[in-house]
Amino acid sequence: MKRVLRFSKIMLMLTILFTLAACSEEEKSSKEKQVEEKIAYSFEHPETKQKYKVVHAYKLYTSLIDQLEKNQEDAGEVYQNKI
């Protein structure tokens, strides 16, 4: 009986945890939205109505290179933050 009760508590806590994690979507700042608009192109196929989003990732590297040239920071950390 104790095992069933313990399992039920764990399942309840995991359910609550996953629900809260799914609800914590962060709002993008206006600057991030502008950057995304410049690097992403969205369109829909006229026959199938399938939506596509093309991201020009090479545009992300210019700001990364600029920041690395200005500051001699850890390249891996800067890469994770920018890209």
Protein backbone atom coordinates (compact mmCIF):
# COMPACT_ATOMS: atom_id res chain seq x y z
CA MET A 1 0.00 0.00 0.00
CA LYS A 2 2.86 2.36 0.82
CA ARG A 3 4.43 1.72 -2.58
CA VAL A 4 1.23 2.61 -4.40
CA LEU A 5 0.84 5.78 -2.37
CA ARG A 6 4.48 6.77 -2.94
CA PHE A 7 4.18 6.04 -6.68
CA SER A 8 1.00 8.13 -6.86
CA LYS A 9 2.70 11.06 -5.17
CA ILE A 10 5.68 10.87 -7.51
CA MET A 11 3.42 10.71 -10.57
CA LEU A 12 1.40 13.69 -9.32
CA MET A 13 4.55 15.74 -8.73
CA LEU A 14 5.94 14.83 -12.17
CA THR A 15 2.66 15.77 -13.83
CA ILE A 16 2.63 19.14 -12.08
CA LEU A 17 6.30 19.70 -12.95
CA PHE A 18 5.81 18.94 -16.65
CA THR A 19 2.67 21.06 -16.80
CA LEU A 20 4.45 24.04 -15.27
CA ALA A 21 7.46 23.57 -17.53
CA ALA A 22 5.23 23.61 -20.59
CA CYS A 23 3.52 26.80 -19.45
CA SER A 24 6.70 28.79 -18.89
CA GLU A 25 7.18 30.01 -22.45
CA GLU A 26 9.17 33.22 -22.42
CA GLU A 27 8.11 36.28 -24.36
CA LYS A 28 10.62 37.36 -26.97
CA SER A 29 11.83 40.90 -26.75
CA SER A 30 11.16 43.25 -29.64
CA LYS A 31 14.86 43.13 -30.57
CA GLU A 32 14.79 39.33 -30.77
CA LYS A 33 11.65 39.48 -32.93
CA GLN A 34 13.32 41.94 -35.30
CA VAL A 35 16.39 39.73 -35.59
CA GLU A 36 14.20 36.69 -36.26
CA GLU A 37 12.29 38.56 -38.95
CA LYS A 38 15.56 39.41 -40.70
CA ILE A 39 16.93 35.86 -40.65
CA ALA A 40 13.75 33.83 -41.15
CA TYR A 41 11.47 33.50 -44.13
CA SER A 42 8.10 31.78 -43.82
CA PHE A 43 5.82 30.60 -46.58
CA GLU A 44 3.01 28.17 -47.24
CA HIS A 45 2.77 25.69 -50.10
CA PRO A 46 -0.23 26.74 -52.23
CA GLU A 47 -1.52 23.21 -52.88
CA THR A 48 -0.81 21.34 -49.66
CA LYS A 49 -1.07 24.34 -47.28
CA GLN A 50 2.00 23.04 -45.47
CA LYS A 51 3.90 25.83 -43.72
CA TYR A 52 7.66 26.21 -44.07
CA LYS A 53 10.15 28.38 -42.21
CA VAL A 54 13.59 28.92 -43.72
CA VAL A 55 16.21 30.28 -41.34
CA HIS A 56 19.30 31.94 -42.78
CA ALA A 57 21.67 30.79 -40.03
CA TYR A 58 24.72 32.32 -41.66
CA LYS A 59 23.40 35.75 -40.62
CA LEU A 60 23.75 34.74 -36.98
CA TYR A 61 27.50 34.30 -37.31
CA THR A 62 28.26 37.92 -38.20
CA SER A 63 27.14 39.18 -34.78
CA LEU A 64 28.98 36.29 -33.13
CA ILE A 65 32.23 37.16 -34.91
CA ASP A 66 31.79 40.87 -34.09
CA GLN A 67 31.32 40.12 -30.40
CA LEU A 68 34.29 37.77 -30.29
CA GLU A 69 36.51 40.39 -31.95
CA LYS A 70 35.43 43.08 -29.44
CA ASN A 71 35.68 40.94 -26.32
CA GLN A 72 38.06 38.09 -25.71
CA GLU A 73 35.43 35.98 -23.96
CA ASP A 74 34.96 32.24 -23.92
CA ALA A 75 33.99 31.40 -27.50
CA GLY A 76 31.82 28.44 -26.48
CA GLU A 77 29.77 30.52 -24.07
CA VAL A 78 29.31 33.34 -26.56
CA TYR A 79 28.29 30.81 -29.22
CA GLN A 80 25.64 29.30 -26.92
CA ASN A 81 24.23 32.74 -26.12
CA LYS A 82 24.19 34.06 -29.70
CA ILE A 83 23.37 31.00 -31.76
